[in-house]
Protein backbone atom coordinates (compact mmCIF):
# COMPACT_ATOMS: atom_id res chain seq x y z
CA MET A 1 -9.87 8.31 -15.22
CA ASN A 2 -13.26 6.60 -15.03
CA SER A 3 -11.72 3.23 -14.24
CA LEU A 4 -9.47 4.70 -11.54
CA LEU A 5 -12.33 6.56 -9.87
CA GLN A 6 -14.37 3.36 -9.71
CA GLY A 7 -11.43 1.62 -8.04
CA LEU A 8 -10.88 4.40 -5.49
CA SER A 9 -14.59 4.59 -4.68
CA SER A 10 -14.49 0.97 -3.52
CA CYS A 11 -11.98 1.86 -0.74
CA PRO A 12 -14.02 3.07 2.28
CA SER A 13 -10.91 4.08 4.25
CA PHE A 14 -9.86 6.49 1.52
CA ILE A 15 -13.31 8.11 1.41
CA LYS A 16 -13.32 8.41 5.21
CA TRP A 17 -9.91 10.06 5.13
CA LEU A 18 -11.11 12.55 2.50
CA GLU A 19 -14.09 13.42 4.70
CA GLU A 20 -11.78 14.21 7.61
CA PHE A 21 -9.33 15.99 5.33
CA THR A 22 -11.96 18.32 3.88
CA ALA A 23 -13.69 19.06 7.20
CA GLN A 24 -12.15 22.52 7.58
CA TYR A 25 -13.29 23.62 4.11
CA LYS A 26 -16.91 23.47 5.29
CA THR A 27 -16.31 26.60 7.39
CA GLU A 28 -15.62 28.68 4.29
CA ARG A 29 -18.49 30.99 3.42
CA ASN A 30 -17.91 30.95 -0.32
CA GLN A 31 -19.13 27.54 -1.49
CA SER A 32 -17.78 28.06 -5.01
CA THR A 33 -14.17 28.17 -3.81
CA GLN A 34 -14.50 24.76 -2.17
CA HIS A 35 -14.62 23.01 -5.56
CA GLN A 36 -11.22 24.47 -6.42
CA TYR A 37 -9.72 21.95 -4.00
CA LEU A 38 -8.86 18.53 -5.39
CA SER A 39 -9.86 16.78 -2.15
CA VAL A 40 -13.38 18.28 -2.21
CA THR A 41 -13.96 17.41 -5.88
CA LEU A 42 -12.59 13.92 -5.45
CA LEU A 43 -14.69 13.29 -2.35
CA HIS A 44 -17.87 14.37 -4.16
CA LEU A 45 -17.20 11.96 -7.05
CA LEU A 46 -16.23 9.01 -4.86
CA LYS A 47 -19.21 9.40 -2.53
CA ALA A 48 -21.54 9.50 -5.54
CA LEU A 49 -19.93 6.38 -7.05
CA SER A 50 -20.20 4.58 -3.71
CA CYS A 51 -23.89 5.56 -3.40
CA GLN A 52 -23.26 7.74 -0.33
CA GLU A 53 -24.67 10.78 -2.12
CA VAL A 54 -27.77 11.01 -4.27
CA THR A 55 -27.18 12.39 -7.76
CA GLU A 56 -29.72 13.59 -10.29
CA ASP A 57 -28.44 11.49 -13.19
CA ASP A 58 -27.47 7.84 -13.40
CA VAL A 59 -24.32 8.74 -15.34
CA LEU A 60 -21.80 10.93 -13.51
CA ASP A 61 -19.72 13.55 -15.35
CA ALA A 62 -16.18 13.41 -13.98
CA SER A 63 -14.74 16.20 -16.14
CA CYS A 64 -14.68 18.44 -13.05
CA LEU A 65 -11.71 16.38 -11.81
CA LEU A 66 -9.72 17.23 -14.94
CA GLU A 67 -10.50 20.92 -14.46
CA VAL A 68 -9.21 20.86 -10.87
CA LEU A 69 -6.05 19.00 -11.89
CA ARG A 70 -5.38 21.66 -14.52
CA LEU A 71 -5.73 24.29 -11.80
CA TYR A 72 -3.00 22.32 -10.01
CA ARG A 73 -0.88 22.89 -13.17
CA TRP A 74 -1.13 19.37 -14.53
CA GLN A 75 -1.10 19.33 -18.33
CA ILE A 76 -3.59 16.56 -19.12
CA SER A 77 -4.97 16.28 -22.64
CA SER A 78 -8.40 14.78 -23.24
CA PHE A 79 -7.38 13.51 -26.69
CA GLU A 80 -4.31 11.44 -25.84
CA GLU A 81 -3.83 7.95 -24.42
CA GLN A 82 -3.15 8.18 -20.67
CA ASP A 83 -2.15 5.61 -18.05
CA ALA A 84 -4.32 4.81 -15.01
CA HIS A 85 -1.29 4.15 -12.77
CA GLU A 86 0.26 7.51 -13.66
CA LEU A 87 -3.04 9.24 -12.92
CA PHE A 88 -3.16 7.51 -9.54
CA HIS A 89 0.18 9.10 -8.63
CA VAL A 90 -1.00 12.45 -9.98
CA LEU A 91 -3.91 12.33 -7.52
CA THR A 92 -1.87 11.18 -4.49
CA SER A 93 0.95 13.66 -5.09
CA SER A 94 -1.56 16.50 -5.60
CA LEU A 95 -3.30 15.59 -2.34
CA GLU A 96 0.06 15.71 -0.57
CA ASP A 97 0.79 19.12 -2.10
CA GLU A 98 -2.60 20.39 -0.95
CA ARG A 99 -1.92 19.12 2.55
CA ASP A 100 1.56 20.67 2.65
CA ARG A 101 0.21 24.09 1.69
CA GLN A 102 -1.71 24.32 4.96
CA PRO A 103 0.02 25.86 8.03
CA ARG A 104 1.02 23.05 10.34
CA VAL A 105 3.94 24.46 12.32
CA THR A 106 3.53 26.82 15.27
CA HIS A 107 6.14 28.84 17.08
CA LEU A 108 8.35 26.93 19.52
CA PHE A 109 7.36 29.32 22.34
CA ASP A 110 3.77 28.07 22.03
CA VAL A 111 4.43 24.31 21.98
CA HIS A 112 3.80 23.83 25.72
CA LEU A 113 0.39 25.50 25.35
CA LEU A 114 -0.64 23.12 22.57
CA GLU A 115 0.25 20.07 24.66
CA GLN A 116 -2.37 20.93 27.26
CA PRO A 117 -5.57 18.94 26.63
CA GLU A 118 -8.95 20.45 25.73
CA ILE A 119 -7.84 24.02 25.09
CA THR A 120 -9.95 26.00 22.68
CA GLN A 121 -8.49 28.43 20.19
CA LYS A 122 -9.76 31.44 22.17
CA GLN A 123 -7.99 30.32 25.35
CA ILE A 124 -4.56 30.11 23.68
CA SER A 125 -2.44 33.23 24.06
CA CYS A 126 0.51 33.81 21.75
CA ARG A 127 3.80 35.37 22.71
CA THR A 128 4.62 35.86 19.06
CA ARG A 129 3.41 38.80 17.01
CA GLY A 130 1.55 36.73 14.45
CA SER A 131 -1.64 34.79 15.02
CA LEU A 132 -1.42 31.12 15.94
CA PRO A 133 -2.11 28.88 12.90
CA PRO A 134 -4.84 26.32 13.51
CA MET A 135 -3.54 22.87 14.37
CA SER A 136 -5.74 20.05 13.10
CA ASN A 137 -5.05 16.34 13.25
CA HIS A 138 -6.22 15.56 9.73
CA TRP A 139 -3.55 17.80 8.26
CA LYS A 140 -0.88 15.71 9.97
CA SER A 141 -2.17 12.33 8.79
CA GLN A 142 -0.99 10.80 5.53
CA HIS A 143 -3.51 9.40 3.06
CA PRO A 144 -4.32 5.68 3.48
CA PHE A 145 -2.19 4.65 0.47
CA HIS A 146 0.98 6.04 2.07
CA GLY A 147 3.56 3.42 3.07
CA ARG A 148 7.29 3.12 3.67
CA LEU A 149 9.95 0.86 2.17
CA THR A 150 13.08 -0.19 4.05
CA SER A 151 16.44 -0.68 2.34
CA ASN A 152 18.76 -2.94 4.33
CA MET A 153 22.51 -3.32 3.57
CA VAL A 154 24.65 -6.02 5.28
CA CYS A 155 28.36 -6.68 4.71
CA LYS A 156 28.96 -10.30 3.66
CA HIS A 157 32.42 -10.31 5.22
CA CYS A 158 31.86 -8.93 8.75
CA GLU A 159 28.00 -9.06 8.80
CA GLN A 160 27.89 -5.42 9.90
CA GLN A 161 24.53 -3.83 9.06
CA SER A 162 24.37 -0.31 7.66
CA PRO A 163 21.68 2.10 8.91
CA VAL A 164 18.28 1.23 7.47
CA ARG A 165 17.03 3.70 4.86
CA TYR A 166 13.35 4.52 4.48
CA ASP A 167 11.56 5.57 1.30
CA THR A 168 7.88 6.36 0.88
CA PHE A 169 5.53 4.73 -1.61
CA ASP A 170 1.92 5.19 -2.68
CA SER A 171 1.74 1.99 -4.68
CA LEU A 172 3.87 -1.13 -5.03
CA SER A 173 5.03 -1.38 -8.64
CA LEU A 174 5.90 -5.05 -9.17
CA SER A 175 7.72 -6.45 -12.18
CA ILE A 176 6.59 -9.84 -13.45
CA PRO A 177 9.52 -12.31 -13.28
CA ALA A 178 10.27 -14.73 -16.09
CA ALA A 179 7.76 -17.54 -16.15
CA VAL A 180 8.78 -21.13 -15.43
CA TRP A 181 7.25 -23.68 -17.78
CA GLY A 182 4.45 -25.62 -16.13
CA ARG A 183 4.18 -23.29 -13.14
CA PRO A 184 1.54 -20.54 -12.93
CA MET A 185 2.68 -17.02 -12.15
CA THR A 186 1.33 -15.78 -8.80
CA LEU A 187 1.27 -12.51 -6.92
CA ASP A 188 3.60 -14.11 -4.37
CA HIS A 189 6.22 -14.62 -7.09
CA CYS A 190 6.05 -10.91 -7.94
CA LEU A 191 6.26 -9.86 -4.28
CA HIS A 192 9.19 -12.18 -3.56
CA HIS A 193 10.96 -10.91 -6.68
CA PHE A 194 10.40 -7.34 -5.44
CA ILE A 195 12.06 -7.95 -2.05
CA SER A 196 14.66 -10.47 -3.25
CA SER A 197 18.17 -9.66 -2.09
CA GLU A 198 20.89 -8.53 -4.47
CA SER A 199 24.66 -8.30 -4.12
CA VAL A 200 26.34 -4.91 -4.41
CA LYS A 201 30.07 -5.22 -5.03
CA ASP A 202 32.96 -2.88 -4.26
CA VAL A 203 31.32 -1.02 -1.36
CA VAL A 204 33.47 0.63 1.35
CA CYS A 205 32.84 -1.09 4.72
CA ASP A 206 33.78 1.13 7.67
CA ASN A 207 33.68 -1.81 10.08
CA CYS A 208 36.07 -3.94 7.98
CA THR A 209 38.36 -0.92 7.71
CA LYS A 210 38.38 -0.52 11.52
CA ILE A 211 39.11 -4.22 12.01
CA GLN A 212 41.99 -3.99 9.56
CA ALA A 213 43.32 -0.88 11.32
CA ARG A 214 43.43 -2.66 14.69
CA GLY A 215 45.85 -5.22 13.30
CA THR A 216 48.36 -2.67 12.06
CA LEU A 217 51.33 -1.40 14.08
CA ASN A 218 52.48 2.14 14.85
CA GLY A 219 49.32 3.71 13.47
CA GLN A 220 50.05 2.85 9.84
CA SER A 221 47.48 4.16 7.41
CA VAL A 222 44.99 1.61 6.12
CA GLU A 223 43.16 1.79 2.81
CA ASN A 224 39.37 1.64 2.86
CA GLN A 225 38.29 -1.97 2.78
CA ARG A 226 35.87 -2.66 -0.09
CA THR A 227 33.61 -5.67 0.24
CA THR A 228 30.36 -7.05 -1.12
CA PHE A 229 27.12 -6.01 0.54
CA VAL A 230 23.75 -7.75 0.41
CA LYS A 231 20.87 -5.31 -0.21
CA GLN A 232 17.24 -6.16 0.44
CA LEU A 233 13.99 -4.23 0.27
CA LYS A 234 11.15 -4.83 2.70
CA LEU A 235 7.99 -3.05 3.73
CA GLY A 236 8.65 -0.90 6.79
CA LYS A 237 5.11 0.50 7.04
CA LEU A 238 2.16 -1.15 5.34
CA PRO A 239 -0.69 1.21 4.39
CA GLN A 240 -4.36 0.85 5.20
CA CYS A 241 -5.16 0.81 1.47
CA LEU A 242 -2.68 -1.11 -0.68
CA CYS A 243 -2.42 -0.37 -4.40
CA ILE A 244 -0.40 -2.94 -6.37
CA HIS A 245 0.72 -2.12 -9.91
CA LEU A 246 1.75 -5.04 -12.11
CA GLN A 247 4.27 -3.81 -14.66
CA ARG A 248 3.15 -5.16 -18.01
CA LEU A 249 5.62 -3.11 -20.06
CA SER A 250 8.57 -5.02 -21.51
CA TRP A 251 11.09 -4.34 -24.25
CA SER A 252 12.01 -6.46 -27.24
CA ASN A 253 15.58 -7.04 -28.42
CA GLN A 254 15.03 -4.30 -30.99
CA GLY A 255 14.06 -1.82 -28.27
CA THR A 256 10.35 -1.64 -29.05
CA PRO A 257 7.82 -1.64 -26.17
CA LEU A 258 5.72 -4.76 -25.71
CA LYS A 259 2.85 -5.61 -23.39
CA ARG A 260 2.93 -8.74 -21.26
CA HIS A 261 -0.46 -10.42 -21.34
CA GLU A 262 0.17 -13.42 -19.05
CA HIS A 263 -2.18 -14.00 -16.16
CA VAL A 264 -0.87 -13.38 -12.63
CA GLN A 265 -2.85 -15.34 -10.04
CA PHE A 266 -4.13 -13.31 -7.10
CA ASN A 267 -6.62 -13.98 -4.32
CA GLU A 268 -9.52 -12.23 -2.68
CA PHE A 269 -7.43 -12.07 0.50
CA LEU A 270 -3.76 -11.16 0.73
CA ILE A 271 -1.35 -11.83 3.62
CA MET A 272 1.62 -9.44 3.79
CA ASP A 273 3.25 -10.51 7.07
CA ILE A 274 6.29 -12.19 5.50
CA TYR A 275 7.10 -9.03 3.52
CA LYS A 276 7.08 -6.78 6.59
CA TYR A 277 10.42 -5.48 7.85
CA ARG A 278 11.37 -6.63 11.34
CA ILE A 279 14.18 -5.20 13.47
CA PRO A 280 17.12 -7.63 13.42
CA VAL A 281 17.67 -9.65 16.60
CA HIS A 282 21.10 -10.38 18.12
CA LYS A 283 22.44 -13.84 17.30
CA SER A 284 22.21 -15.22 20.83
CA SER A 285 18.66 -13.89 21.19
CA GLN A 286 17.80 -15.21 17.73
CA ASN A 287 18.91 -18.74 18.66
CA GLU A 288 16.67 -18.70 21.73
CA LEU A 289 13.79 -17.31 19.66
CA ASN A 290 14.24 -19.95 16.96
CA GLN A 291 14.22 -22.71 19.58
CA LYS A 292 11.02 -21.30 21.09
CA ASN A 293 9.36 -20.97 17.67
CA THR A 294 10.33 -24.56 16.84
CA GLU A 295 8.40 -25.73 19.88
CA GLU A 296 5.36 -23.52 19.19
CA THR A 297 5.00 -23.78 15.42
CA THR A 298 4.41 -26.71 13.12
CA PRO A 299 6.28 -27.67 9.93
CA GLY A 300 5.31 -25.46 7.03
CA THR A 301 4.97 -22.35 9.20
CA LYS A 302 7.25 -19.49 10.12
CA ASP A 303 6.47 -17.37 13.16
CA GLY A 304 3.11 -19.12 13.19
CA LEU A 305 2.32 -18.10 9.57
CA ALA A 306 1.94 -20.35 6.56
CA VAL A 307 4.76 -19.69 4.12
CA LYS A 308 6.03 -20.82 0.76
CA PRO A 309 8.08 -24.02 0.41
CA SER A 310 11.19 -21.86 -0.14
CA ASP A 311 10.72 -20.34 3.32
CA ALA A 312 10.22 -23.54 5.31
CA GLU A 313 11.04 -27.21 5.02
CA GLN A 314 7.74 -28.94 4.48
CA PRO A 315 7.04 -32.63 4.89
CA SER A 316 5.99 -34.42 1.74
CA GLY A 317 2.29 -34.46 1.12
CA THR A 318 1.55 -31.31 3.09
CA LYS A 319 0.44 -27.96 1.72
CA PRO A 320 0.62 -24.53 3.30
CA LEU A 321 -2.69 -23.23 4.55
CA PHE A 322 -2.49 -20.03 2.55
CA MET A 323 -0.32 -18.76 -0.26
CA ASN A 324 -1.16 -15.47 -1.99
CA GLY A 325 -2.39 -16.18 -5.49
CA ALA A 326 -2.20 -19.97 -5.16
CA CYS A 327 -4.50 -21.20 -2.41
CA SER A 328 -6.57 -24.33 -2.69
CA SER A 329 -10.13 -24.17 -3.97
CA SER A 330 -11.44 -25.40 -0.63
CA PHE A 331 -10.01 -22.27 0.99
CA LEU A 332 -12.03 -19.98 -1.28
CA MET A 333 -15.30 -19.90 0.56
CA SER A 334 -18.36 -17.91 -0.41
CA SER A 335 -17.63 -14.37 -1.57
CA GLY A 336 -17.06 -11.80 1.12
CA THR A 337 -16.20 -14.33 3.84
CA PHE A 338 -12.84 -15.31 5.22
CA PRO A 339 -12.29 -18.28 7.53
CA LEU A 340 -10.33 -16.40 10.21
CA ALA A 341 -11.22 -19.20 12.61
CA THR A 342 -8.82 -21.45 10.70
CA PHE A 343 -5.94 -19.38 12.05
CA PRO A 344 -5.10 -19.94 15.73
CA GLU A 345 -5.18 -16.76 17.80
CA CYS A 346 -1.40 -16.82 18.24
CA SER A 347 -0.75 -17.28 14.53
CA SER A 348 -3.47 -15.18 12.88
CA PRO A 349 -2.09 -12.82 10.22
CA VAL A 350 -1.54 -9.26 11.35
CA TYR A 351 -1.39 -7.73 7.87
CA LEU A 352 -4.42 -9.20 6.14
CA TYR A 353 -5.94 -7.43 3.13
CA ARG A 354 -9.22 -7.85 1.26
CA LEU A 355 -9.52 -7.26 -2.48
CA MET A 356 -11.75 -4.26 -3.25
CA ALA A 357 -11.19 -3.50 -6.96
CA VAL A 358 -9.20 -4.59 -10.02
CA VAL A 359 -8.32 -2.36 -12.98
CA VAL A 360 -7.72 -4.22 -16.26
CA HIS A 361 -6.19 -2.83 -19.46
CA HIS A 362 -7.31 -4.20 -22.82
CA GLY A 363 -5.14 -3.43 -25.83
CA ASP A 364 -1.44 -2.96 -26.56
CA MET A 365 1.23 -0.47 -25.49
CA HIS A 366 -0.01 2.22 -27.89
CA SER A 367 -3.77 2.17 -27.40
CA GLY A 368 -6.46 0.39 -25.46
CA HIS A 369 -9.19 0.70 -22.87
CA PHE A 370 -9.38 0.40 -19.07
CA VAL A 371 -12.21 -1.43 -17.28
CA THR A 372 -12.75 -2.01 -13.56
CA TYR A 373 -13.99 -4.87 -11.45
CA ARG A 374 -15.19 -3.53 -8.11
CA ARG A 375 -17.41 -4.52 -5.23
CA SER A 376 -20.96 -3.28 -5.33
CA PRO A 377 -21.52 -0.35 -2.93
CA PRO A 378 -22.98 -1.45 0.43
CA SER A 379 -26.67 -0.93 1.09
CA PRO A 380 -27.71 2.17 3.09
CA LYS A 381 -29.07 -0.13 5.83
CA SER A 382 -25.59 -1.55 6.52
CA PRO A 383 -23.03 0.99 5.25
CA LEU A 384 -20.12 -0.64 7.11
CA SER A 385 -20.59 -4.06 5.51
CA VAL A 386 -18.54 -5.28 2.54
CA SER A 387 -20.61 -6.44 -0.40
CA SER A 388 -19.94 -9.85 -1.92
CA GLN A 389 -21.41 -8.79 -5.27
CA TRP A 390 -18.86 -7.78 -7.91
CA LEU A 391 -19.48 -5.40 -10.81
CA TRP A 392 -17.79 -5.02 -14.19
CA ILE A 393 -17.68 -1.37 -15.22
CA SER A 394 -16.62 0.14 -18.53
CA ASP A 395 -17.32 3.89 -18.48
CA ASP A 396 -21.15 4.06 -18.35
CA THR A 397 -21.73 0.31 -18.85
CA VAL A 398 -22.25 -1.73 -15.68
CA ARG A 399 -23.03 -5.43 -15.25
CA LYS A 400 -22.74 -8.03 -12.51
CA ALA A 401 -19.66 -10.24 -12.36
CA SER A 402 -18.65 -13.32 -10.39
CA LEU A 403 -15.64 -13.56 -8.11
CA GLN A 404 -14.20 -16.23 -10.39
CA GLU A 405 -14.34 -13.82 -13.34
CA VAL A 406 -12.55 -11.18 -11.26
CA LEU A 407 -9.77 -13.55 -10.18
CA SER A 408 -9.34 -14.75 -13.78
CA SER A 409 -8.71 -11.26 -15.15
CA SER A 410 -5.30 -9.96 -16.26
CA ALA A 411 -4.94 -7.36 -13.54
CA TYR A 412 -3.09 -4.10 -14.06
CA LEU A 413 -3.96 -2.39 -10.75
CA LEU A 414 -5.09 -4.19 -7.60
CA PHE A 415 -6.77 -2.31 -4.75
CA TYR A 416 -6.69 -4.04 -1.36
CA GLU A 417 -7.88 -2.74 2.00
CA ARG A 418 -6.55 -3.96 5.31
CA VAL A 419 -8.79 -6.13 7.50
CA HIS A 420 -8.31 -5.85 11.26
CA SER A 421 -8.99 -8.75 13.58
CA ARG A 422 -11.10 -8.40 16.71
CA ALA A 423 -8.00 -8.13 18.90
CA GLN A 424 -6.61 -5.38 16.67
CA HIS A 425 -9.92 -3.53 16.76
CA GLN A 426 -9.90 -3.65 20.56
CA SER A 427 -6.32 -2.37 20.60
CA LEU A 428 -7.22 0.51 18.28
CA GLU A 429 -10.24 1.38 20.43
CA LEU A 430 -8.06 1.46 23.57
CA ARG A 431 -5.58 3.75 21.85
CA ALA A 432 -8.39 6.06 20.78
CA GLU A 433 -9.70 6.24 24.36
CA GLU A 434 -6.22 7.01 25.71
């Protein structure tokens, strides 16, 4: 729990969301009831750990979080080995339950009144017998770790695409593929393995069945045509805060659990553009688009982004500008800086993330200890800045750490936060004004 709280406290977007989420609780007269809410307790702890609140003691007691979780009917023992990733999902699911308990739906007769701008609660008249529940924007918004996965199915015979299915996620749980001798394991390998396509055999294809029915005479009945489909996962909606869980649990041939200790290379910055789902383009339009991209992009790029050798034919002797987990040492500049100028404006990454914290597990599958590498909290003079100083934290023990030490650790949980470019910031500001 201590290691997870240190990781969450290094994500400013999550703390900001909690502040907006808990805004309505400040109107309650009874201050003691406020601490029965998970969001309020969590916000207090994270603000203290990020030096946004002054505490009396240097060591913070986080047992209040366990007490609130038990009020939420979670059975958590203080004397058993627990998992940081499981606790992360306990917190996110409990926050969603707390959000869903609040009234968010009004009567349909009153919808047109709510659409009128700048109407106070006193000016709204209800046609229904009951009072109008308060509508607040922060109850509608999902927490910053919320994202969506897309599941895409395409028939290999007729190339008909099935409707895209969406599933939500709070963290990306990545398995570590089998290592290749002489090649380091990178975060890109894990991400590509996660979205790699797989064949699903013996699936009924409605389109193939219709095609077969057109060729029959006198309306003869046609059996359902079963073909092979290609299934692929992609990221439909990338969150503001990205939590990546590296699955280090494996099983021996005898069925006993084992921990995988190999190092997975990851970087301070992470580009997620190539893993983002894009709406398929018609073939004729795709050919025109490919011809245009060929003229605008250089070898070793795809849609203006540097990609892996498997994604683009690269001339010999050239290297991609950026690969997650395997960039050149010259690309790693001083801590806290990122050479965005190296990307042309037309090809700058849209989904760029900065590493904020790393949770490491020491031990085996039966016992061990969690420690956290996190960025030092920003100074009060510049609260919006991102510190380049890293800290190693083990419960109440804190020391300084280098970026190289952080990137050399055997990560279990990675916390990234999205970085917006200047153009994206301007776009967001325009949307806010509208």
